[in-house]
Amino acid sequence: CVIVAVPNLDGVQIVWSPTFAARLLSENWPKM
């Protein structure tokens, strides 16, 4: 997994899949 702290989201995000990563990138990423 990849464990990352994304601003504006509570706690850390534990990312196990490309689907969750794509969702973070498209919906919550601070530098698009």
All heavy atoms as atom14 arrays in JSON, in Angstrom:
{
  "sequence": "CVIVAVPNLDGVQIVWSPTFAARLLSENWPKM",
  "atom14_mask": [
    [1, 1, 1, 1, 1, 1, 0, 0, 0, 0, 0, 0, 0, 0],
    [1, 1, 1, 1, 1, 1, 1, 0, 0, 0, 0, 0, 0, 0],
    [1, 1, 1, 1, 1, 1, 1, 1, 0, 0, 0, 0, 0, 0],
    [1, 1, 1, 1, 1, 1, 1, 0, 0, 0, 0, 0, 0, 0],
    [1, 1, 1, 1, 1, 0, 0, 0, 0, 0, 0, 0, 0, 0],
    [1, 1, 1, 1, 1, 1, 1, 0, 0, 0, 0, 0, 0, 0],
    [1, 1, 1, 1, 1, 1, 1, 0, 0, 0, 0, 0, 0, 0],
    [1, 1, 1, 1, 1, 1, 1, 1, 0, 0, 0, 0, 0, 0],
    [1, 1, 1, 1, 1, 1, 1, 1, 0, 0, 0, 0, 0, 0],
    [1, 1, 1, 1, 1, 1, 1, 1, 0, 0, 0, 0, 0, 0],
    [1, 1, 1, 1, 0, 0, 0, 0, 0, 0, 0, 0, 0, 0],
    [1, 1, 1, 1, 1, 1, 1, 0, 0, 0, 0, 0, 0, 0],
    [1, 1, 1, 1, 1, 1, 1, 1, 1, 0, 0, 0, 0, 0],
    [1, 1, 1, 1, 1, 1, 1, 1, 0, 0, 0, 0, 0, 0],
    [1, 1, 1, 1, 1, 1, 1, 0, 0, 0, 0, 0, 0, 0],
    [1, 1, 1, 1, 1, 1, 1, 1, 1, 1, 1, 1, 1, 1],
    [1, 1, 1, 1, 1, 1, 0, 0, 0, 0, 0, 0, 0, 0],
    [1, 1, 1, 1, 1, 1, 1, 0, 0, 0, 0, 0, 0, 0],
    [1, 1, 1, 1, 1, 1, 1, 0, 0, 0, 0, 0, 0, 0],
    [1, 1, 1, 1, 1, 1, 1, 1, 1, 1, 1, 0, 0, 0],
    [1, 1, 1, 1, 1, 0, 0, 0, 0, 0, 0, 0, 0, 0],
    [1, 1, 1, 1, 1, 0, 0, 0, 0, 0, 0, 0, 0, 0],
    [1, 1, 1, 1, 1, 1, 1, 1, 1, 1, 1, 0, 0, 0],
    [1, 1, 1, 1, 1, 1, 1, 1, 0, 0, 0, 0, 0, 0],
    [1, 1, 1, 1, 1, 1, 1, 1, 0, 0, 0, 0, 0, 0],
    [1, 1, 1, 1, 1, 1, 0, 0, 0, 0, 0, 0, 0, 0],
    [1, 1, 1, 1, 1, 1, 1, 1, 1, 0, 0, 0, 0, 0],
    [1, 1, 1, 1, 1, 1, 1, 1, 0, 0, 0, 0, 0, 0],
    [1, 1, 1, 1, 1, 1, 1, 1, 1, 1, 1, 1, 1, 1],
    [1, 1, 1, 1, 1, 1, 1, 0, 0, 0, 0, 0, 0, 0],
    [1, 1, 1, 1, 1, 1, 1, 1, 1, 0, 0, 0, 0, 0],
    [1, 1, 1, 1, 1, 1, 1, 1, 0, 0, 0, 0, 0, 0]
  ],
  "atom14_positions": [
    [[0.83, -1.2, 0.0], [0.0, 0.0, 0.0], [0.87, 1.26, 0.0], [2.06, 1.21, 0.28], [-0.94, 0.0, 1.2], [-0.12, 0.24, 2.78], [0.0, 0.0, 0.0], [0.0, 0.0, 0.0], [0.0, 0.0, 0.0], [0.0, 0.0, 0.0], [0.0, 0.0, 0.0], [0.0, 0.0, 0.0], [0.0, 0.0, 0.0], [0.0, 0.0, 0.0]],
    [[0.23, 2.37, -0.31], [0.85, 3.69, -0.21], [0.04, 4.45, 0.83], [-1.18, 4.56, 0.7], [0.82, 4.42, -1.57], [1.41, 5.82, -1.44], [1.54, 3.63, -2.64], [0.0, 0.0, 0.0], [0.0, 0.0, 0.0], [0.0, 0.0, 0.0], [0.0, 0.0, 0.0], [0.0, 0.0, 0.0], [0.0, 0.0, 0.0], [0.0, 0.0, 0.0]],
    [[0.71, 4.96, 1.85], [0.04, 5.7, 2.92], [0.44, 7.16, 2.76], [1.62, 7.49, 2.81], [0.43, 5.16, 4.3], [0.12, 3.67, 4.4], [-0.31, 5.93, 5.39], [0.66, 2.99, 5.64], [0.0, 0.0, 0.0], [0.0, 0.0, 0.0], [0.0, 0.0, 0.0], [0.0, 0.0, 0.0], [0.0, 0.0, 0.0], [0.0, 0.0, 0.0]],
    [[-0.55, 8.02, 2.57], [-0.28, 9.42, 2.26], [-1.26, 10.32, 3.02], [-2.43, 9.98, 3.2], [-0.35, 9.66, 0.74], [-1.71, 9.31, 0.17], [0.05, 11.07, 0.37], [0.0, 0.0, 0.0], [0.0, 0.0, 0.0], [0.0, 0.0, 0.0], [0.0, 0.0, 0.0], [0.0, 0.0, 0.0], [0.0, 0.0, 0.0], [0.0, 0.0, 0.0]],
    [[-0.75, 11.46, 3.44], [-1.6, 12.49, 4.06], [-1.99, 13.48, 2.97], [-1.12, 14.12, 2.36], [-0.85, 13.2, 5.17], [0.0, 0.0, 0.0], [0.0, 0.0, 0.0], [0.0, 0.0, 0.0], [0.0, 0.0, 0.0], [0.0, 0.0, 0.0], [0.0, 0.0, 0.0], [0.0, 0.0, 0.0], [0.0, 0.0, 0.0], [0.0, 0.0, 0.0]],
    [[-3.27, 13.58, 2.7], [-3.78, 14.49, 1.68], [-4.5, 15.64, 2.39], [-5.4, 15.39, 3.19], [-4.75, 13.77, 0.71], [-5.31, 14.73, -0.32], [-4.05, 12.6, 0.03], [0.0, 0.0, 0.0], [0.0, 0.0, 0.0], [0.0, 0.0, 0.0], [0.0, 0.0, 0.0], [0.0, 0.0, 0.0], [0.0, 0.0, 0.0], [0.0, 0.0, 0.0]],
    [[-4.1, 16.89, 2.11], [-4.77, 18.02, 2.76], [-6.28, 17.98, 2.53], [-6.75, 17.48, 1.51], [-4.15, 19.24, 2.07], [-2.86, 18.76, 1.51], [-3.06, 17.31, 1.18], [0.0, 0.0, 0.0], [0.0, 0.0, 0.0], [0.0, 0.0, 0.0], [0.0, 0.0, 0.0], [0.0, 0.0, 0.0], [0.0, 0.0, 0.0], [0.0, 0.0, 0.0]],
    [[-7.01, 18.47, 3.48], [-8.47, 18.55, 3.44], [-9.17, 17.21, 3.62], [-10.39, 17.14, 3.5], [-8.97, 19.23, 2.15], [-8.43, 20.63, 2.01], [-8.31, 21.37, 2.99], [-8.09, 21.01, 0.81], [0.0, 0.0, 0.0], [0.0, 0.0, 0.0], [0.0, 0.0, 0.0], [0.0, 0.0, 0.0], [0.0, 0.0, 0.0], [0.0, 0.0, 0.0]],
    [[-8.43, 16.15, 3.87], [-9.03, 14.86, 4.2], [-8.57, 14.49, 5.6], [-7.41, 14.7, 5.95], [-8.6, 13.78, 3.21], [-9.09, 13.94, 1.78], [-8.52, 12.83, 0.9], [-10.6, 13.94, 1.71], [0.0, 0.0, 0.0], [0.0, 0.0, 0.0], [0.0, 0.0, 0.0], [0.0, 0.0, 0.0], [0.0, 0.0, 0.0], [0.0, 0.0, 0.0]],
    [[-9.46, 13.95, 6.38], [-9.12, 13.57, 7.75], [-8.2, 12.36, 7.76], [-8.43, 11.38, 7.06], [-10.38, 13.23, 8.55], [-11.24, 14.47, 8.79], [-10.68, 15.57, 8.83], [-12.46, 14.31, 8.92], [0.0, 0.0, 0.0], [0.0, 0.0, 0.0], [0.0, 0.0, 0.0], [0.0, 0.0, 0.0], [0.0, 0.0, 0.0], [0.0, 0.0, 0.0]],
    [[-7.16, 12.43, 8.56], [-6.26, 11.31, 8.73], [-5.45, 11.02, 7.48], [-5.38, 11.83, 6.56], [0.0, 0.0, 0.0], [0.0, 0.0, 0.0], [0.0, 0.0, 0.0], [0.0, 0.0, 0.0], [0.0, 0.0, 0.0], [0.0, 0.0, 0.0], [0.0, 0.0, 0.0], [0.0, 0.0, 0.0], [0.0, 0.0, 0.0], [0.0, 0.0, 0.0]],
    [[-4.85, 9.85, 7.46], [-4.07, 9.44, 6.29], [-4.93, 8.57, 5.4], [-5.92, 7.98, 5.83], [-2.78, 8.69, 6.69], [-1.86, 9.59, 7.49], [-3.1, 7.42, 7.45], [0.0, 0.0, 0.0], [0.0, 0.0, 0.0], [0.0, 0.0, 0.0], [0.0, 0.0, 0.0], [0.0, 0.0, 0.0], [0.0, 0.0, 0.0], [0.0, 0.0, 0.0]],
    [[-4.53, 8.48, 4.15], [-5.22, 7.64, 3.18], [-4.35, 6.42, 2.92], [-3.15, 6.56, 2.62], [-5.48, 8.4, 1.89], [-6.23, 9.71, 2.09], [-7.56, 9.52, 2.77], [-8.39, 8.73, 2.33], [-7.77, 10.21, 3.88], [0.0, 0.0, 0.0], [0.0, 0.0, 0.0], [0.0, 0.0, 0.0], [0.0, 0.0, 0.0], [0.0, 0.0, 0.0]],
    [[-4.92, 5.25, 3.05], [-4.21, 4.01, 2.78], [-4.68, 3.52, 1.42], [-5.82, 3.12, 1.26], [-4.46, 2.98, 3.88], [-4.02, 3.55, 5.23], [-3.72, 1.68, 3.57], [-4.4, 2.71, 6.42], [0.0, 0.0, 0.0], [0.0, 0.0, 0.0], [0.0, 0.0, 0.0], [0.0, 0.0, 0.0], [0.0, 0.0, 0.0], [0.0, 0.0, 0.0]],
    [[-3.78, 3.59, 0.45], [-4.14, 3.34, -0.95], [-3.59, 1.98, -1.37], [-2.38, 1.78, -1.39], [-3.59, 4.47, -1.86], [-4.05, 4.27, -3.29], [-4.03, 5.83, -1.33], [0.0, 0.0, 0.0], [0.0, 0.0, 0.0], [0.0, 0.0, 0.0], [0.0, 0.0, 0.0], [0.0, 0.0, 0.0], [0.0, 0.0, 0.0], [0.0, 0.0, 0.0]],
    [[-4.49, 1.08, -1.72], [-4.13, -0.27, -2.15], [-4.36, -0.52, -3.63], [-3.98, -1.56, -4.14], [-4.95, -1.31, -1.37], [-4.43, -1.61, -0.02], [-4.9, -1.11, 1.17], [-3.33, -2.46, 0.32], [-4.16, -1.61, 2.2], [-3.19, -2.45, 1.72], [-2.45, -3.23, -0.43], [-2.22, -3.18, 2.38], [-1.48, -3.96, 0.23], [-1.37, -3.92, 1.63]],
    [[-5.01, 0.42, -4.33], [-5.4, 0.13, -5.7], [-5.34, 1.37, -6.59], [-5.45, 2.5, -6.11], [-6.83, -0.43, -5.74], [-7.75, 0.6, -5.45], [0.0, 0.0, 0.0], [0.0, 0.0, 0.0], [0.0, 0.0, 0.0], [0.0, 0.0, 0.0], [0.0, 0.0, 0.0], [0.0, 0.0, 0.0], [0.0, 0.0, 0.0], [0.0, 0.0, 0.0]],
    [[-5.2, 1.14, -7.9], [-5.25, 2.24, -8.84], [-6.59, 2.98, -8.81], [-6.64, 4.19, -9.03], [-5.03, 1.58, -10.2], [-4.32, 0.31, -9.9], [-4.84, -0.13, -8.56], [0.0, 0.0, 0.0], [0.0, 0.0, 0.0], [0.0, 0.0, 0.0], [0.0, 0.0, 0.0], [0.0, 0.0, 0.0], [0.0, 0.0, 0.0], [0.0, 0.0, 0.0]],
    [[-7.67, 2.27, -8.51], [-8.98, 2.92, -8.45], [-9.03, 3.97, -7.36], [-9.47, 5.1, -7.59], [-10.09, 1.87, -8.22], [-10.1, 0.97, -9.32], [-11.45, 2.52, -8.08], [0.0, 0.0, 0.0], [0.0, 0.0, 0.0], [0.0, 0.0, 0.0], [0.0, 0.0, 0.0], [0.0, 0.0, 0.0], [0.0, 0.0, 0.0], [0.0, 0.0, 0.0]],
    [[-8.57, 3.62, -6.17], [-8.57, 4.59, -5.07], [-7.59, 5.72, -5.36], [-7.88, 6.89, -5.09], [-8.27, 3.9, -3.74], [-8.44, 4.79, -2.54], [-9.48, 5.69, -2.45], [-7.53, 4.74, -1.51], [-9.63, 6.51, -1.34], [-7.67, 5.55, -0.39], [-8.72, 6.44, -0.31], [0.0, 0.0, 0.0], [0.0, 0.0, 0.0], [0.0, 0.0, 0.0]],
    [[-6.44, 5.38, -5.93], [-5.47, 6.42, -6.29], [-6.05, 7.39, -7.31], [-5.91, 8.61, -7.17], [-4.2, 5.77, -6.83], [0.0, 0.0, 0.0], [0.0, 0.0, 0.0], [0.0, 0.0, 0.0], [0.0, 0.0, 0.0], [0.0, 0.0, 0.0], [0.0, 0.0, 0.0], [0.0, 0.0, 0.0], [0.0, 0.0, 0.0], [0.0, 0.0, 0.0]],
    [[-6.72, 6.87, -8.33], [-7.33, 7.73, -9.35], [-8.39, 8.63, -8.74], [-8.51, 9.8, -9.1], [-7.93, 6.88, -10.46], [0.0, 0.0, 0.0], [0.0, 0.0, 0.0], [0.0, 0.0, 0.0], [0.0, 0.0, 0.0], [0.0, 0.0, 0.0], [0.0, 0.0, 0.0], [0.0, 0.0, 0.0], [0.0, 0.0, 0.0], [0.0, 0.0, 0.0]],
    [[-9.16, 8.1, -7.78], [-10.17, 8.92, -7.13], [-9.53, 10.03, -6.31], [-10.0, 11.18, -6.36], [-11.07, 8.05, -6.24], [-12.31, 8.82, -5.79], [-13.33, 7.95, -5.13], [-12.95, 7.83, -3.73], [-13.13, 6.74, -2.98], [-13.65, 5.67, -3.5], [-12.77, 6.73, -1.74], [0.0, 0.0, 0.0], [0.0, 0.0, 0.0], [0.0, 0.0, 0.0]],
    [[-8.48, 9.72, -5.58], [-7.78, 10.77, -4.82], [-7.22, 11.83, -5.77], [-7.35, 13.03, -5.52], [-6.64, 10.17, -4.0], [-7.0, 9.48, -2.7], [-5.75, 8.88, -2.07], [-7.66, 10.44, -1.74], [0.0, 0.0, 0.0], [0.0, 0.0, 0.0], [0.0, 0.0, 0.0], [0.0, 0.0, 0.0], [0.0, 0.0, 0.0], [0.0, 0.0, 0.0]],
    [[-6.6, 11.38, -6.83], [-6.0, 12.31, -7.79], [-7.05, 13.21, -8.44], [-6.83, 14.41, -8.61], [-5.24, 11.53, -8.88], [-3.94, 10.88, -8.44], [-3.51, 9.82, -9.45], [-2.84, 11.91, -8.24], [0.0, 0.0, 0.0], [0.0, 0.0, 0.0], [0.0, 0.0, 0.0], [0.0, 0.0, 0.0], [0.0, 0.0, 0.0], [0.0, 0.0, 0.0]],
    [[-8.19, 12.67, -8.78], [-9.19, 13.46, -9.5], [-10.08, 14.3, -8.59], [-10.6, 15.32, -9.02], [-10.06, 12.56, -10.37], [-10.8, 11.65, -9.58], [0.0, 0.0, 0.0], [0.0, 0.0, 0.0], [0.0, 0.0, 0.0], [0.0, 0.0, 0.0], [0.0, 0.0, 0.0], [0.0, 0.0, 0.0], [0.0, 0.0, 0.0], [0.0, 0.0, 0.0]],
    [[-10.24, 13.9, -7.33], [-11.18, 14.6, -6.46], [-10.53, 15.41, -5.34], [-11.13, 16.38, -4.87], [-12.14, 13.59, -5.82], [-13.02, 12.89, -6.82], [-13.89, 11.82, -6.19], [-13.9, 11.67, -4.95], [-14.58, 11.11, -6.95], [0.0, 0.0, 0.0], [0.0, 0.0, 0.0], [0.0, 0.0, 0.0], [0.0, 0.0, 0.0], [0.0, 0.0, 0.0]],
    [[-9.35, 15.03, -4.88], [-8.8, 15.65, -3.68], [-7.35, 16.08, -3.78], [-6.74, 16.41, -2.78], [-8.92, 14.67, -2.49], [-10.35, 14.28, -2.21], [-10.76, 13.19, -2.55], [-11.1, 15.18, -1.62], [0.0, 0.0, 0.0], [0.0, 0.0, 0.0], [0.0, 0.0, 0.0], [0.0, 0.0, 0.0], [0.0, 0.0, 0.0], [0.0, 0.0, 0.0]],
    [[-6.79, 16.06, -4.95], [-5.36, 16.33, -5.07], [-5.08, 17.82, -4.97], [-5.76, 18.64, -5.61], [-4.83, 15.77, -6.39], [-3.42, 15.31, -6.27], [-2.33, 15.85, -6.89], [-2.94, 14.23, -5.48], [-1.21, 15.16, -6.54], [-1.55, 14.16, -5.65], [-3.55, 13.32, -4.62], [-0.77, 13.22, -5.02], [-2.77, 12.37, -3.99], [-1.39, 12.33, -4.19]],
    [[-4.06, 18.22, -4.2], [-3.79, 19.65, -4.0], [-3.07, 20.32, -5.17], [-3.09, 21.53, -5.29], [-2.92, 19.66, -2.75], [-2.22, 18.34, -2.76], [-3.22, 17.38, -3.35], [0.0, 0.0, 0.0], [0.0, 0.0, 0.0], [0.0, 0.0, 0.0], [0.0, 0.0, 0.0], [0.0, 0.0, 0.0], [0.0, 0.0, 0.0], [0.0, 0.0, 0.0]],
    [[-2.42, 19.54, -6.03], [-1.65, 20.13, -7.14], [-2.02, 19.39, -8.42], [-1.42, 18.38, -8.78], [-0.16, 20.0, -6.86], [0.73, 20.63, -7.91], [2.19, 20.57, -7.5], [3.17, 21.03, -8.54], [2.8, 22.0, -9.49], [0.0, 0.0, 0.0], [0.0, 0.0, 0.0], [0.0, 0.0, 0.0], [0.0, 0.0, 0.0], [0.0, 0.0, 0.0]],
    [[-3.02, 19.91, -9.13], [-3.53, 19.24, -10.32], [-2.96, 19.78, -11.63], [-3.46, 19.46, -12.7], [-5.06, 19.36, -10.36], [-5.74, 18.63, -9.25], [-7.52, 18.8, -9.41], [-8.08, 17.49, -8.34], [0.0, 0.0, 0.0], [0.0, 0.0, 0.0], [0.0, 0.0, 0.0], [0.0, 0.0, 0.0], [0.0, 0.0, 0.0], [0.0, 0.0, 0.0]]
  ]
}
